[in-house]
Amino acid sequence: MFDFDQYLGFLAFLTILTIGFWLMIFLVSFIPYWIGGTLLENFKLKREAKKAEREA
């Protein structure tokens, strides 16, 4: 059915495909979290700056 070289090629293909799939899942879940945290932090900093401006 398969020669040994073809078998190794098939395993390499499956490995690369699997790594790519999990990398895509990681990026799809991590990037929105990162952007949301950055936006929330900027919002808090601006709110603190306005509060400090009112008090001064």
C-alpha atoms as a PDB file:
ATOM      1  CA  MET A   1       0.000   0.000   0.000  1.00  0.00           C
ATOM      2  CA  PHE A   2       2.507   2.669   1.159  1.00  0.00           C
ATOM      3  CA  ASP A   3       6.254   2.688   0.872  1.00  0.00           C
ATOM      4  CA  PHE A   4       8.120   3.741   4.001  1.00  0.00           C
ATOM      5  CA  ASP A   5       8.954   7.158   2.456  1.00  0.00           C
ATOM      6  CA  GLN A   6       5.312   7.782   1.635  1.00  0.00           C
ATOM      7  CA  TYR A   7       4.345   6.782   5.167  1.00  0.00           C
ATOM      8  CA  LEU A   8       6.834   9.266   6.645  1.00  0.00           C
ATOM      9  CA  GLY A   9       5.581  11.971   4.283  1.00  0.00           C
ATOM     10  CA  PHE A  10       2.009  11.277   5.313  1.00  0.00           C
ATOM     11  CA  LEU A  11       2.960  11.473   9.014  1.00  0.00           C
ATOM     12  CA  ALA A  12       4.823  14.744   8.404  1.00  0.00           C
ATOM     13  CA  PHE A  13       1.758  16.124   6.593  1.00  0.00           C
ATOM     14  CA  LEU A  14      -0.556  15.141   9.448  1.00  0.00           C
ATOM     15  CA  THR A  15       1.837  16.638  12.006  1.00  0.00           C
ATOM     16  CA  ILE A  16       2.062  19.963  10.176  1.00  0.00           C
ATOM     17  CA  LEU A  17      -1.708  20.029   9.661  1.00  0.00           C
ATOM     18  CA  THR A  18      -2.354  19.340  13.349  1.00  0.00           C
ATOM     19  CA  ILE A  19       0.152  21.973  14.501  1.00  0.00           C
ATOM     20  CA  GLY A  20      -1.441  24.514  12.151  1.00  0.00           C
ATOM     21  CA  PHE A  21      -4.920  23.689  13.417  1.00  0.00           C
ATOM     22  CA  TRP A  22      -3.991  24.133  17.089  1.00  0.00           C
ATOM     23  CA  LEU A  23      -2.048  27.317  16.322  1.00  0.00           C
ATOM     24  CA  MET A  24      -5.135  28.713  14.593  1.00  0.00           C
ATOM     25  CA  ILE A  25      -7.327  27.791  17.593  1.00  0.00           C
ATOM     26  CA  PHE A  26      -4.820  29.427  19.966  1.00  0.00           C
ATOM     27  CA  LEU A  27      -4.638  32.646  17.950  1.00  0.00           C
ATOM     28  CA  VAL A  28      -8.400  32.866  17.477  1.00  0.00           C
ATOM     29  CA  SER A  29      -8.904  32.557  21.238  1.00  0.00           C
ATOM     30  CA  PHE A  30      -5.932  34.638  22.425  1.00  0.00           C
ATOM     31  CA  ILE A  31      -5.987  37.704  20.156  1.00  0.00           C
ATOM     32  CA  PRO A  32      -9.535  38.885  21.088  1.00  0.00           C
ATOM     33  CA  TYR A  33      -8.633  38.448  24.770  1.00  0.00           C
ATOM     34  CA  TRP A  34      -5.491  40.527  24.269  1.00  0.00           C
ATOM     35  CA  ILE A  35      -7.311  43.286  22.358  1.00  0.00           C
ATOM     36  CA  GLY A  36     -10.151  43.370  24.895  1.00  0.00           C
ATOM     37  CA  GLY A  37      -7.730  43.652  27.817  1.00  0.00           C
ATOM     38  CA  THR A  38      -5.860  46.482  26.101  1.00  0.00           C
ATOM     39  CA  LEU A  39      -9.071  48.390  25.414  1.00  0.00           C
ATOM     40  CA  LEU A  40     -10.265  47.926  28.993  1.00  0.00           C
ATOM     41  CA  GLU A  41      -6.923  49.090  30.381  1.00  0.00           C
ATOM     42  CA  ASN A  42      -6.946  52.195  28.159  1.00  0.00           C
ATOM     43  CA  PHE A  43     -10.513  52.962  29.238  1.00  0.00           C
ATOM     44  CA  LYS A  44      -9.511  52.737  32.913  1.00  0.00           C
ATOM     45  CA  LEU A  45      -6.484  54.980  32.372  1.00  0.00           C
ATOM     46  CA  LYS A  46      -8.584  57.627  30.599  1.00  0.00           C
ATOM     47  CA  ARG A  47     -11.206  57.467  33.346  1.00  0.00           C
ATOM     48  CA  GLU A  48      -8.520  57.941  36.023  1.00  0.00           C
ATOM     49  CA  ALA A  49      -7.042  60.880  34.088  1.00  0.00           C
ATOM     50  CA  LYS A  50     -10.450  62.580  33.916  1.00  0.00           C
ATOM     51  CA  LYS A  51     -11.010  61.946  37.621  1.00  0.00           C
ATOM     52  CA  ALA A  52      -7.594  63.421  38.496  1.00  0.00           C
ATOM     53  CA  GLU A  53      -8.304  66.429  36.241  1.00  0.00           C
ATOM     54  CA  ARG A  54     -11.578  67.143  38.035  1.00  0.00           C
ATOM     55  CA  GLU A  55      -9.954  66.948  41.463  1.00  0.00           C
ATOM     56  CA  ALA A  56      -7.043  69.248  40.549  1.00  0.00           C
END
